Amino acid sequence: FGLTVFGVNLTRLAPGAWSMAHHKHKRQDELIYVLEGTPVLVTDAGETQLSPGMCAGFPAGGAAHHLENRSSTDAVILEVGDRTSGEEIECPNDDVRAILEPNGGWRFAHIDGSPL
């Protein structure tokens, strides 16, 4: 399609899998939409069982979040977001910050900016 600042990922979470570490976005909004399965959305406010047709949104600078598949079948999620240059993702439980570089690669550091 030639899109340059808009991203969509189809993610399949096997039983027991997490979408990624508990994280929050500094510059990018993110939306998830459940296509199959019953993943658990974990946020700083608690946990929510999701099912097909449900969605959740995470504004830039908002609360940390991740998905866990605690069921015995795959969960399939559509992840939608922009690809803003200079994006930073913080994983507060792991003291990790990931910074999106202009070349599309990621640079990793501690949350305070010191090297890993």
PDB file of N, CA and C in Angstrom:
ATOM      1  N   PHE A   1       0.793  -1.205   0.000  1.00  0.00           N
ATOM      2  CA  PHE A   1       0.000   0.000   0.000  1.00  0.00           C
ATOM      3  C   PHE A   1       0.835   1.269   0.000  1.00  0.00           C
ATOM      4  N   GLY A   2       2.108   1.159   0.293  1.00  0.00           N
ATOM      5  CA  GLY A   2       2.963   2.332   0.322  1.00  0.00           C
ATOM      6  C   GLY A   2       2.852   3.162   1.591  1.00  0.00           C
ATOM      7  N   LEU A   3       2.276   2.606   2.648  1.00  0.00           N
ATOM      8  CA  LEU A   3       2.144   3.344   3.907  1.00  0.00           C
ATOM      9  C   LEU A   3       3.514   3.538   4.544  1.00  0.00           C
ATOM     10  N   THR A   4       3.763   4.714   5.093  1.00  0.00           N
ATOM     11  CA  THR A   4       5.074   4.982   5.687  1.00  0.00           C
ATOM     12  C   THR A   4       5.014   5.314   7.174  1.00  0.00           C
ATOM     13  N   VAL A   5       3.877   5.754   7.693  1.00  0.00           N
ATOM     14  CA  VAL A   5       3.800   6.111   9.111  1.00  0.00           C
ATOM     15  C   VAL A   5       2.651   5.401   9.829  1.00  0.00           C
ATOM     16  N   PHE A   6       2.120   4.368   9.204  1.00  0.00           N
ATOM     17  CA  PHE A   6       0.986   3.647   9.761  1.00  0.00           C
ATOM     18  C   PHE A   6       1.323   2.171   9.714  1.00  0.00           C
ATOM     19  N   GLY A   7       1.171   1.469  10.833  1.00  0.00           N
ATOM     20  CA  GLY A   7       1.539   0.061  10.870  1.00  0.00           C
ATOM     21  C   GLY A   7       0.417  -0.817  11.380  1.00  0.00           C
ATOM     22  N   VAL A   8       0.328  -2.012  10.805  1.00  0.00           N
ATOM     23  CA  VAL A   8      -0.638  -3.015  11.238  1.00  0.00           C
ATOM     24  C   VAL A   8       0.095  -4.350  11.333  1.00  0.00           C
ATOM     25  N   ASN A   9      -0.036  -5.011  12.466  1.00  0.00           N
ATOM     26  CA  ASN A   9       0.575  -6.327  12.656  1.00  0.00           C
ATOM     27  C   ASN A   9      -0.497  -7.332  13.024  1.00  0.00           C
ATOM     28  N   LEU A  10      -0.449  -8.498  12.396  1.00  0.00           N
ATOM     29  CA  LEU A  10      -1.286  -9.624  12.773  1.00  0.00           C
ATOM     30  C   LEU A  10      -0.433 -10.487  13.692  1.00  0.00           C
ATOM     31  N   THR A  11      -0.844 -10.619  14.943  1.00  0.00           N
ATOM     32  CA  THR A  11      -0.046 -11.318  15.946  1.00  0.00           C
ATOM     33  C   THR A  11      -0.787 -12.544  16.444  1.00  0.00           C
ATOM     34  N   ARG A  12      -0.100 -13.678  16.425  1.00  0.00           N
ATOM     35  CA  ARG A  12      -0.658 -14.924  16.952  1.00  0.00           C
ATOM     36  C   ARG A  12       0.080 -15.254  18.241  1.00  0.00           C
ATOM     37  N   LEU A  13      -0.655 -15.342  19.337  1.00  0.00           N
ATOM     38  CA  LEU A  13      -0.078 -15.701  20.631  1.00  0.00           C
ATOM     39  C   LEU A  13      -0.423 -17.151  20.940  1.00  0.00           C
ATOM     40  N   ALA A  14       0.600 -17.985  21.030  1.00  0.00           N
ATOM     41  CA  ALA A  14       0.400 -19.383  21.405  1.00  0.00           C
ATOM     42  C   ALA A  14      -0.010 -19.453  22.876  1.00  0.00           C
ATOM     43  N   PRO A  15      -0.598 -20.557  23.302  1.00  0.00           N
ATOM     44  CA  PRO A  15      -0.926 -20.702  24.719  1.00  0.00           C
ATOM     45  C   PRO A  15       0.305 -20.443  25.595  1.00  0.00           C
ATOM     46  N   GLY A  16       0.126 -19.621  26.616  1.00  0.00           N
ATOM     47  CA  GLY A  16       1.217 -19.282  27.526  1.00  0.00           C
ATOM     48  C   GLY A  16       2.070 -18.104  27.094  1.00  0.00           C
ATOM     49  N   ALA A  17       1.872 -17.599  25.871  1.00  0.00           N
ATOM     50  CA  ALA A  17       2.716 -16.515  25.340  1.00  0.00           C
ATOM     51  C   ALA A  17       2.224 -15.143  25.800  1.00  0.00           C
ATOM     52  N   TRP A  18       3.155 -14.197  25.817  1.00  0.00           N
ATOM     53  CA  TRP A  18       2.869 -12.781  26.064  1.00  0.00           C
ATOM     54  C   TRP A  18       3.079 -12.028  24.758  1.00  0.00           C
ATOM     55  N   SER A  19       2.374 -10.910  24.595  1.00  0.00           N
ATOM     56  CA  SER A  19       2.569 -10.075  23.402  1.00  0.00           C
ATOM     57  C   SER A  19       3.957  -9.458  23.401  1.00  0.00           C
ATOM     58  N   MET A  20       4.409  -9.017  24.545  1.00  0.00           N
ATOM     59  CA  MET A  20       5.755  -8.490  24.798  1.00  0.00           C
ATOM     60  C   MET A  20       5.822  -8.162  26.276  1.00  0.00           C
ATOM     61  N   ALA A  21       6.947  -7.687  26.736  1.00  0.00           N
ATOM     62  CA  ALA A  21       7.059  -7.290  28.139  1.00  0.00           C
ATOM     63  C   ALA A  21       6.067  -6.159  28.436  1.00  0.00           C
ATOM     64  N   HIS A  22       5.713  -5.995  29.694  1.00  0.00           N
ATOM     65  CA  HIS A  22       4.842  -4.900  30.129  1.00  0.00           C
ATOM     66  C   HIS A  22       5.501  -3.595  29.674  1.00  0.00           C
ATOM     67  N   HIS A  23       4.805  -2.791  28.875  1.00  0.00           N
ATOM     68  CA  HIS A  23       5.442  -1.644  28.226  1.00  0.00           C
ATOM     69  C   HIS A  23       4.464  -0.493  28.020  1.00  0.00           C
ATOM     70  N   LYS A  24       5.030   0.684  27.747  1.00  0.00           N
ATOM     71  CA  LYS A  24       4.231   1.851  27.372  1.00  0.00           C
ATOM     72  C   LYS A  24       4.971   2.616  26.285  1.00  0.00           C
ATOM     73  N   HIS A  25       4.195   3.335  25.481  1.00  0.00           N
ATOM     74  CA  HIS A  25       4.727   4.067  24.336  1.00  0.00           C
ATOM     75  C   HIS A  25       4.829   5.550  24.660  1.00  0.00           C
ATOM     76  N   LYS A  26       5.930   6.168  24.282  1.00  0.00           N
ATOM     77  CA  LYS A  26       6.114   7.598  24.548  1.00  0.00           C
ATOM     78  C   LYS A  26       5.432   8.468  23.498  1.00  0.00           C
ATOM     79  N   ARG A  27       5.536   8.093  22.213  1.00  0.00           N
ATOM     80  CA  ARG A  27       5.049   8.965  21.134  1.00  0.00           C
ATOM     81  C   ARG A  27       3.943   8.351  20.277  1.00  0.00           C
ATOM     82  N   GLN A  28       3.742   7.056  20.352  1.00  0.00           N
ATOM     83  CA  GLN A  28       2.802   6.396  19.451  1.00  0.00           C
ATOM     84  C   GLN A  28       1.548   5.924  20.176  1.00  0.00           C
ATOM     85  N   ASP A  29       0.406   6.149  19.538  1.00  0.00           N
ATOM     86  CA  ASP A  29      -0.836   5.527  19.978  1.00  0.00           C
ATOM     87  C   ASP A  29      -0.845   4.083  19.475  1.00  0.00           C
ATOM     88  N   GLU A  30      -1.554   3.217  20.190  1.00  0.00           N
ATOM     89  CA  GLU A  30      -1.660   1.812  19.784  1.00  0.00           C
ATOM     90  C   GLU A  30      -3.091   1.345  20.022  1.00  0.00           C
ATOM     91  N   LEU A  31      -3.592   0.522  19.102  1.00  0.00           N
ATOM     92  CA  LEU A  31      -4.915  -0.069  19.220  1.00  0.00           C
ATOM     93  C   LEU A  31      -4.773  -1.564  18.976  1.00  0.00           C
ATOM     94  N   ILE A  32      -5.441  -2.372  19.785  1.00  0.00           N
ATOM     95  CA  ILE A  32      -5.475  -3.808  19.520  1.00  0.00           C
ATOM     96  C   ILE A  32      -6.921  -4.229  19.304  1.00  0.00           C
ATOM     97  N   TYR A  33      -7.107  -5.231  18.432  1.00  0.00           N
ATOM     98  CA  TYR A  33      -8.423  -5.779  18.134  1.00  0.00           C
ATOM     99  C   TYR A  33      -8.290  -7.296  18.148  1.00  0.00           C
ATOM    100  N   VAL A  34      -9.106  -7.968  18.940  1.00  0.00           N
ATOM    101  CA  VAL A  34      -9.016  -9.423  19.073  1.00  0.00           C
ATOM    102  C   VAL A  34      -9.826 -10.091  17.966  1.00  0.00           C
ATOM    103  N   LEU A  35      -9.153 -10.938  17.186  1.00  0.00           N
ATOM    104  CA  LEU A  35      -9.810 -11.690  16.119  1.00  0.00           C
ATOM    105  C   LEU A  35     -10.214 -13.086  16.583  1.00  0.00           C
ATOM    106  N   GLU A  36      -9.330 -13.745  17.349  1.00  0.00           N
ATOM    107  CA  GLU A  36      -9.588 -15.106  17.834  1.00  0.00           C
ATOM    108  C   GLU A  36      -9.022 -15.254  19.240  1.00  0.00           C
ATOM    109  N   GLY A  37      -9.638 -16.120  20.026  1.00  0.00           N
ATOM    110  CA  GLY A  37      -9.096 -16.449  21.336  1.00  0.00           C
ATOM    111  C   GLY A  37      -9.558 -15.501  22.431  1.00  0.00           C
ATOM    112  N   THR A  38      -8.969 -15.706  23.614  1.00  0.00           N
ATOM    113  CA  THR A  38      -9.377 -14.949  24.800  1.00  0.00           C
ATOM    114  C   THR A  38      -8.154 -14.465  25.580  1.00  0.00           C
ATOM    115  N   PRO A  39      -7.379 -13.554  25.019  1.00  0.00           N
ATOM    116  CA  PRO A  39      -6.204 -13.056  25.739  1.00  0.00           C
ATOM    117  C   PRO A  39      -6.611 -12.200  26.942  1.00  0.00           C
ATOM    118  N   VAL A  40      -5.696 -12.099  27.889  1.00  0.00           N
ATOM    119  CA  VAL A  40      -5.902 -11.250  29.060  1.00  0.00           C
ATOM    120  C   VAL A  40      -5.088  -9.979  28.866  1.00  0.00           C
ATOM    121  N   LEU A  41      -5.753  -8.834  28.951  1.00  0.00           N
ATOM    122  CA  LEU A  41      -5.083  -7.543  28.884  1.00  0.00           C
ATOM    123  C   LEU A  41      -4.643  -7.175  30.295  1.00  0.00           C
ATOM    124  N   VAL A  42      -3.346  -6.964  30.467  1.00  0.00           N
ATOM    125  CA  VAL A  42      -2.788  -6.585  31.765  1.00  0.00           C
ATOM    126  C   VAL A  42      -2.338  -5.132  31.664  1.00  0.00           C
ATOM    127  N   THR A  43      -2.905  -4.269  32.519  1.00  0.00           N
ATOM    128  CA  THR A  43      -2.519  -2.858  32.559  1.00  0.00           C
ATOM    129  C   THR A  43      -2.144  -2.506  33.997  1.00  0.00           C
ATOM    130  N   ASP A  44      -1.701  -1.288  34.190  1.00  0.00           N
ATOM    131  CA  ASP A  44      -1.384  -0.831  35.538  1.00  0.00           C
ATOM    132  C   ASP A  44      -2.627  -0.817  36.432  1.00  0.00           C
ATOM    133  N   ALA A  45      -3.816  -0.765  35.822  1.00  0.00           N
ATOM    134  CA  ALA A  45      -5.070  -0.715  36.580  1.00  0.00           C
ATOM    135  C   ALA A  45      -5.633  -2.098  36.902  1.00  0.00           C
ATOM    136  N   GLY A  46      -5.086  -3.157  36.294  1.00  0.00           N
ATOM    137  CA  GLY A  46      -5.595  -4.498  36.555  1.00  0.00           C
ATOM    138  C   GLY A  46      -5.630  -5.345  35.298  1.00  0.00           C
ATOM    139  N   GLU A  47      -6.489  -6.363  35.310  1.00  0.00           N
ATOM    140  CA  GLU A  47      -6.578  -7.319  34.210  1.00  0.00           C
ATOM    141  C   GLU A  47      -7.990  -7.351  33.647  1.00  0.00           C
ATOM    142  N   THR A  48      -8.078  -7.554  32.315  1.00  0.00           N
ATOM    143  CA  THR A  48      -9.360  -7.661  31.631  1.00  0.00           C
ATOM    144  C   THR A  48      -9.296  -8.822  30.657  1.00  0.00           C
ATOM    145  N   GLN A  49     -10.240  -9.749  30.769  1.00  0.00           N
ATOM    146  CA  GLN A  49     -10.341 -10.862  29.823  1.00  0.00           C
ATOM    147  C   GLN A  49     -10.964 -10.328  28.537  1.00  0.00           C
ATOM    148  N   LEU A  50     -10.289 -10.515  27.417  1.00  0.00           N
ATOM    149  CA  LEU A  50     -10.803 -10.067  26.125  1.00  0.00           C
ATOM    150  C   LEU A  50     -11.325 -11.263  25.339  1.00  0.00           C
ATOM    151  N   SER A  51     -12.181 -10.996  24.368  1.00  0.00           N
ATOM    152  CA  SER A  51     -12.715 -12.033  23.491  1.00  0.00           C
ATOM    153  C   SER A  51     -12.850 -11.452  22.088  1.00  0.00           C
ATOM    154  N   PRO A  52     -13.091 -12.302  21.074  1.00  0.00           N
ATOM    155  CA  PRO A  52     -13.174 -11.803  19.702  1.00  0.00           C
ATOM    156  C   PRO A  52     -14.157 -10.642  19.565  1.00  0.00           C
ATOM    157  N   GLY A  53     -13.709  -9.627  18.827  1.00  0.00           N
ATOM    158  CA  GLY A  53     -14.512  -8.433  18.604  1.00  0.00           C
ATOM    159  C   GLY A  53     -14.228  -7.309  19.584  1.00  0.00           C
ATOM    160  N   MET A  54     -13.500  -7.610  20.648  1.00  0.00           N
ATOM    161  CA  MET A  54     -13.169  -6.563  21.624  1.00  0.00           C
ATOM    162  C   MET A  54     -11.897  -5.844  21.203  1.00  0.00           C
ATOM    163  N   CYS A  55     -11.774  -4.594  21.619  1.00  0.00           N
ATOM    164  CA  CYS A  55     -10.577  -3.822  21.307  1.00  0.00           C
ATOM    165  C   CYS A  55     -10.167  -3.012  22.529  1.00  0.00           C
ATOM    166  N   ALA A  56      -8.938  -2.528  22.483  1.00  0.00           N
ATOM    167  CA  ALA A  56      -8.418  -1.664  23.544  1.00  0.00           C
ATOM    168  C   ALA A  56      -7.456  -0.680  22.902  1.00  0.00           C
ATOM    169  N   GLY A  57      -7.411   0.522  23.435  1.00  0.00           N
ATOM    170  CA  GLY A  57      -6.517   1.547  22.907  1.00  0.00           C
ATOM    171  C   GLY A  57      -5.587   2.063  23.982  1.00  0.00           C
ATOM    172  N   PHE A  58      -4.393   2.433  23.549  1.00  0.00           N
ATOM    173  CA  PHE A  58      -3.358   2.908  24.459  1.00  0.00           C
ATOM    174  C   PHE A  58      -2.770   4.198  23.899  1.00  0.00           C
ATOM    175  N   PRO A  59      -3.132   5.346  24.479  1.00  0.00           N
ATOM    176  CA  PRO A  59      -2.609   6.614  23.972  1.00  0.00           C
ATOM    177  C   PRO A  59      -1.129   6.782  24.292  1.00  0.00           C
ATOM    178  N   ALA A  60      -0.445   7.514  23.444  1.00  0.00           N
ATOM    179  CA  ALA A  60       0.964   7.837  23.691  1.00  0.00           C
ATOM    180  C   ALA A  60       1.092   8.455  25.072  1.00  0.00           C
ATOM    181  N   GLY A  61       2.112   8.023  25.816  1.00  0.00           N
ATOM    182  CA  GLY A  61       2.333   8.538  27.153  1.00  0.00           C
ATOM    183  C   GLY A  61       1.425   7.934  28.207  1.00  0.00           C
ATOM    184  N   GLY A  62       0.608   6.957  27.812  1.00  0.00           N
ATOM    185  CA  GLY A  62      -0.344   6.354  28.737  1.00  0.00           C
ATOM    186  C   GLY A  62       0.250   5.234  29.569  1.00  0.00           C
ATOM    187  N   ALA A  63      -0.637   4.445  30.127  1.00  0.00           N
ATOM    188  CA  ALA A  63      -0.260   3.375  31.050  1.00  0.00           C
ATOM    189  C   ALA A  63       0.431   2.218  30.334  1.00  0.00           C
ATOM    190  N   ALA A  64       1.255   1.509  31.089  1.00  0.00           N
ATOM    191  CA  ALA A  64       1.918   0.307  30.575  1.00  0.00           C
ATOM    192  C   ALA A  64       0.887  -0.816  30.427  1.00  0.00           C
ATOM    193  N   HIS A  65       1.169  -1.733  29.505  1.00  0.00           N
ATOM    194  CA  HIS A  65       0.225  -2.794  29.178  1.00  0.00           C
ATOM    195  C   HIS A  65       0.930  -3.956  28.486  1.00  0.00           C
ATOM    196  N   HIS A  66       0.289  -5.100  28.459  1.00  0.00           N
ATOM    197  CA  HIS A  66       0.680  -6.234  27.627  1.00  0.00           C
ATOM    198  C   HIS A  66      -0.476  -7.222  27.595  1.00  0.00           C
ATOM    199  N   LEU A  67      -0.392  -8.187  26.695  1.00  0.00           N
ATOM    200  CA  LEU A  67      -1.391  -9.248  26.596  1.00  0.00           C
ATOM    201  C   LEU A  67      -0.756 -10.570  27.003  1.00  0.00           C
ATOM    202  N   GLU A  68      -1.532 -11.421  27.640  1.00  0.00           N
ATOM    203  CA  GLU A  68      -1.108 -12.777  27.975  1.00  0.00           C
ATOM    204  C   GLU A  68      -2.162 -13.744  27.465  1.00  0.00           C
ATOM    205  N   ASN A  69      -1.712 -14.832  26.856  1.00  0.00           N
ATOM    206  CA  ASN A  69      -2.644 -15.877  26.445  1.00  0.00           C
ATOM    207  C   ASN A  69      -2.581 -16.995  27.479  1.00  0.00           C
ATOM    208  N   ARG A  70      -3.527 -17.012  28.375  1.00  0.00           N
ATOM    209  CA  ARG A  70      -3.581 -18.013  29.442  1.00  0.00           C
ATOM    210  C   ARG A  70      -4.476 -19.194  29.075  1.00  0.00           C
ATOM    211  N   SER A  71      -4.985 -19.198  27.847  1.00  0.00           N
ATOM    212  CA  SER A  71      -5.891 -20.257  27.409  1.00  0.00           C
ATOM    213  C   SER A  71      -5.102 -21.412  26.782  1.00  0.00           C
ATOM    214  N   SER A  72      -5.824 -22.425  26.338  1.00  0.00           N
ATOM    215  CA  SER A  72      -5.191 -23.590  25.711  1.00  0.00           C
ATOM    216  C   SER A  72      -5.219 -23.515  24.188  1.00  0.00           C
ATOM    217  N   THR A  73      -5.727 -22.407  23.629  1.00  0.00           N
ATOM    218  CA  THR A  73      -5.750 -22.227  22.175  1.00  0.00           C
ATOM    219  C   THR A  73      -5.090 -20.901  21.810  1.00  0.00           C
ATOM    220  N   ASP A  74      -4.690 -20.775  20.547  1.00  0.00           N
ATOM    221  CA  ASP A  74      -4.057 -19.540  20.079  1.00  0.00           C
ATOM    222  C   ASP A  74      -5.004 -18.345  20.219  1.00  0.00           C
ATOM    223  N   ALA A  75      -4.417 -17.182  20.419  1.00  0.00           N
ATOM    224  CA  ALA A  75      -5.144 -15.914  20.358  1.00  0.00           C
ATOM    225  C   ALA A  75      -4.562 -15.130  19.182  1.00  0.00           C
ATOM    226  N   VAL A  76      -5.420 -14.533  18.378  1.00  0.00           N
ATOM    227  CA  VAL A  76      -4.977 -13.764  17.214  1.00  0.00           C
ATOM    228  C   VAL A  76      -5.450 -12.326  17.398  1.00  0.00           C
ATOM    229  N   ILE A  77      -4.487 -11.414  17.316  1.00  0.00           N
ATOM    230  CA  ILE A  77      -4.754  -9.999  17.593  1.00  0.00           C
ATOM    231  C   ILE A  77      -4.251  -9.146  16.440  1.00  0.00           C
ATOM    232  N   LEU A  78      -5.018  -8.156  16.073  1.00  0.00           N
ATOM    233  CA  LEU A  78      -4.579  -7.145  15.123  1.00  0.00           C
ATOM    234  C   LEU A  78      -4.063  -5.966  15.937  1.00  0.00           C
ATOM    235  N   GLU A  79      -2.810  -5.570  15.704  1.00  0.00           N
ATOM    236  CA  GLU A  79      -2.198  -4.426  16.384  1.00  0.00           C
ATOM    237  C   GLU A  79      -2.065  -3.298  15.375  1.00  0.00           C
ATOM    238  N   VAL A  80      -2.578  -2.129  15.714  1.00  0.00           N
ATOM    239  CA  VAL A  80      -2.575  -0.990  14.807  1.00  0.00           C
ATOM    240  C   VAL A  80      -1.917   0.193  15.508  1.00  0.00           C
ATOM    241  N   GLY A  81      -1.024   0.875  14.804  1.00  0.00           N
ATOM    242  CA  GLY A  81      -0.383   2.057  15.366  1.00  0.00           C
ATOM    243  C   GLY A  81       0.380   2.814  14.310  1.00  0.00           C
ATOM    244  N   ASP A  82       0.817   3.997  14.685  1.00  0.00           N
ATOM    245  CA  ASP A  82       1.647   4.760  13.756  1.00  0.00           C
ATOM    246  C   ASP A  82       3.103   4.365  13.973  1.00  0.00           C
ATOM    247  N   ARG A  83       3.964   4.834  13.144  1.00  0.00           N
ATOM    248  CA  ARG A  83       5.391   4.523  13.234  1.00  0.00           C
ATOM    249  C   ARG A  83       6.180   5.819  13.358  1.00  0.00           C
ATOM    250  N   THR A  84       5.802   6.610  14.337  1.00  0.00           N
ATOM    251  CA  THR A  84       6.411   7.908  14.572  1.00  0.00           C
ATOM    252  C   THR A  84       7.903   7.777  14.815  1.00  0.00           C
ATOM    253  N   SER A  85       8.677   8.572  14.097  1.00  0.00           N
ATOM    254  CA  SER A  85      10.124   8.591  14.293  1.00  0.00           C
ATOM    255  C   SER A  85      10.440   9.015  15.718  1.00  0.00           C
ATOM    256  N   GLY A  86      11.462   8.420  16.288  1.00  0.00           N
ATOM    257  CA  GLY A  86      11.868   8.771  17.635  1.00  0.00           C
ATOM    258  C   GLY A  86      11.031   8.122  18.719  1.00  0.00           C
ATOM    259  N   GLU A  87      10.197   7.157  18.348  1.00  0.00           N
ATOM    260  CA  GLU A  87       9.383   6.461  19.342  1.00  0.00           C
ATOM    261  C   GLU A  87      10.268   5.836  20.417  1.00  0.00           C
ATOM    262  N   GLU A  88       9.786   5.854  21.633  1.00  0.00           N
ATOM    263  CA  GLU A  88      10.459   5.192  22.745  1.00  0.00           C
ATOM    264  C   GLU A  88       9.448   4.314  23.456  1.00  0.00           C
ATOM    265  N   ILE A  89       9.862   3.108  23.754  1.00  0.00           N
ATOM    266  CA  ILE A  89       9.038   2.173  24.510  1.00  0.00           C
ATOM    267  C   ILE A  89       9.747   1.909  25.825  1.00  0.00           C
ATOM    268  N   GLU A  90       9.038   2.059  26.924  1.00  0.00           N
ATOM    269  CA  GLU A  90       9.603   1.761  28.239  1.00  0.00           C
ATOM    270  C   GLU A  90       8.971   0.492  28.785  1.00  0.00           C
ATOM    271  N   CYS A  91       9.813  -0.371  29.332  1.00  0.00           N
ATOM    272  CA  CYS A  91       9.371  -1.579  30.026  1.00  0.00           C
ATOM    273  C   CYS A  91       9.698  -1.373  31.500  1.00  0.00           C
ATOM    274  N   PRO A  92       8.769  -0.774  32.273  1.00  0.00           N
ATOM    275  CA  PRO A  92       9.082  -0.361  33.637  1.00  0.00           C
ATOM    276  C   PRO A  92       9.433  -1.506  34.579  1.00  0.00           C
ATOM    277  N   ASN A  93       8.883  -2.685  34.356  1.00  0.00           N
ATOM    278  CA  ASN A  93       9.186  -3.817  35.230  1.00  0.00           C
ATOM    279  C   ASN A  93      10.563  -4.402  34.965  1.00  0.00           C
ATOM    280  N   ASP A  94      11.156  -4.057  33.818  1.00  0.00           N
ATOM    281  CA  ASP A  94      12.444  -4.628  33.415  1.00  0.00           C
ATOM    282  C   ASP A  94      13.551  -3.590  33.304  1.00  0.00           C
ATOM    283  N   ASP A  95      13.258  -2.311  33.605  1.00  0.00           N
ATOM    284  CA  ASP A  95      14.237  -1.226  33.504  1.00  0.00           C
ATOM    285  C   ASP A  95      14.884  -1.177  32.119  1.00  0.00           C
ATOM    286  N   VAL A  96      14.035  -1.244  31.082  1.00  0.00           N
ATOM    287  CA  VAL A  96      14.525  -1.207  29.703  1.00  0.00           C
ATOM    288  C   VAL A  96      13.764  -0.140  28.936  1.00  0.00           C
ATOM    289  N   ARG A  97      14.498   0.618  28.121  1.00  0.00           N
ATOM    290  CA  ARG A  97      13.927   1.578  27.183  1.00  0.00           C
ATOM    291  C   ARG A  97      14.428   1.199  25.794  1.00  0.00           C
ATOM    292  N   ALA A  98      13.516   1.162  24.820  1.00  0.00           N
ATOM    293  CA  ALA A  98      13.868   0.907  23.426  1.00  0.00           C
ATOM    294  C   ALA A  98      13.555   2.170  22.637  1.00  0.00           C
ATOM    295  N   ILE A  99      14.538   2.650  21.873  1.00  0.00           N
ATOM    296  CA  ILE A  99      14.389   3.880  21.094  1.00  0.00           C
ATOM    297  C   ILE A  99      14.454   3.527  19.616  1.00  0.00           C
ATOM    298  N   LEU A 100      13.426   3.926  18.853  1.00  0.00           N
ATOM    299  CA  LEU A 100      13.389   3.668  17.417  1.00  0.00           C
ATOM    300  C   LEU A 100      14.304   4.650  16.706  1.00  0.00           C
ATOM    301  N   GLU A 101      15.311   4.124  16.032  1.00  0.00           N
ATOM    302  CA  GLU A 101      16.281   4.949  15.310  1.00  0.00           C
ATOM    303  C   GLU A 101      15.735   5.327  13.927  1.00  0.00           C
ATOM    304  N   PRO A 102      16.271   6.396  13.303  1.00  0.00           N
ATOM    305  CA  PRO A 102      15.799   6.817  11.976  1.00  0.00           C
ATOM    306  C   PRO A 102      15.917   5.726  10.908  1.00  0.00           C
ATOM    307  N   ASN A 103      16.870   4.796  11.073  1.00  0.00           N
ATOM    308  CA  ASN A 103      17.050   3.721  10.087  1.00  0.00           C
ATOM    309  C   ASN A 103      16.085   2.563  10.311  1.00  0.00           C
ATOM    310  N   GLY A 104      15.196   2.678  11.311  1.00  0.00           N
ATOM    311  CA  GLY A 104      14.220   1.631  11.585  1.00  0.00           C
ATOM    312  C   GLY A 104      14.674   0.618  12.616  1.00  0.00           C
ATOM    313  N   GLY A 105      15.935   0.682  13.023  1.00  0.00           N
ATOM    314  CA  GLY A 105      16.444  -0.221  14.052  1.00  0.00           C
ATOM    315  C   GLY A 105      16.131   0.299  15.446  1.00  0.00           C
ATOM    316  N   TRP A 106      16.313  -0.550  16.422  1.00  0.00           N
ATOM    317  CA  TRP A 106      16.044  -0.186  17.812  1.00  0.00           C
ATOM    318  C   TRP A 106      17.337  -0.116  18.597  1.00  0.00           C
ATOM    319  N   ARG A 107      17.442   0.877  19.482  1.00  0.00           N
ATOM    320  CA  ARG A 107      18.567   1.007  20.412  1.00  0.00           C
ATOM    321  C   ARG A 107      18.002   0.809  21.811  1.00  0.00           C
ATOM    322  N   PHE A 108      18.694   0.003  22.615  1.00  0.00           N
ATOM    323  CA  PHE A 108      18.210  -0.347  23.946  1.00  0.00           C
ATOM    324  C   PHE A 108      19.093   0.261  25.024  1.00  0.00           C
ATOM    325  N   ALA A 109      18.466   0.697  26.115  1.00  0.00           N
ATOM    326  CA  ALA A 109      19.172   1.300  27.247  1.00  0.00           C
ATOM    327  C   ALA A 109      18.337   1.058  28.503  1.00  0.00           C
ATOM    328  N   HIS A 110      18.910   1.400  29.659  1.00  0.00           N
ATOM    329  CA  HIS A 110      18.115   1.422  30.882  1.00  0.00           C
ATOM    330  C   HIS A 110      17.162   2.613  30.795  1.00  0.00           C
ATOM    331  N   ILE A 111      16.125   2.625  31.610  1.00  0.00           N
ATOM    332  CA  ILE A 111      15.138   3.709  31.574  1.00  0.00           C
ATOM    333  C   ILE A 111      15.786   5.063  31.828  1.00  0.00           C
ATOM    334  N   ASP A 112      16.839   5.116  32.642  1.00  0.00           N
ATOM    335  CA  ASP A 112      17.521   6.394  32.901  1.00  0.00           C
ATOM    336  C   ASP A 112      18.439   6.816  31.755  1.00  0.00           C
ATOM    337  N   GLY A 113      18.514   6.005  30.689  1.00  0.00           N
ATOM    338  CA  GLY A 113      19.333   6.326  29.521  1.00  0.00           C
ATOM    339  C   GLY A 113      20.711   5.709  29.524  1.00  0.00           C
ATOM    340  N   SER A 114      21.143   5.139  30.636  1.00  0.00           N
ATOM    341  CA  SER A 114      22.471   4.519  30.681  1.00  0.00           C
ATOM    342  C   SER A 114      22.470   3.229  29.862  1.00  0.00           C
ATOM    343  N   PRO A 115      23.633   2.872  29.288  1.00  0.00           N
ATOM    344  CA  PRO A 115      23.712   1.674  28.439  1.00  0.00           C
ATOM    345  C   PRO A 115      23.352   0.400  29.208  1.00  0.00           C
ATOM    346  N   LEU A 116      22.815  -0.551  28.487  1.00  0.00           N
ATOM    347  CA  LEU A 116      22.530  -1.864  29.090  1.00  0.00           C
ATOM    348  C   LEU A 116      23.812  -2.625  29.299  1.00  0.00           C
TER     349      LEU A 116
END
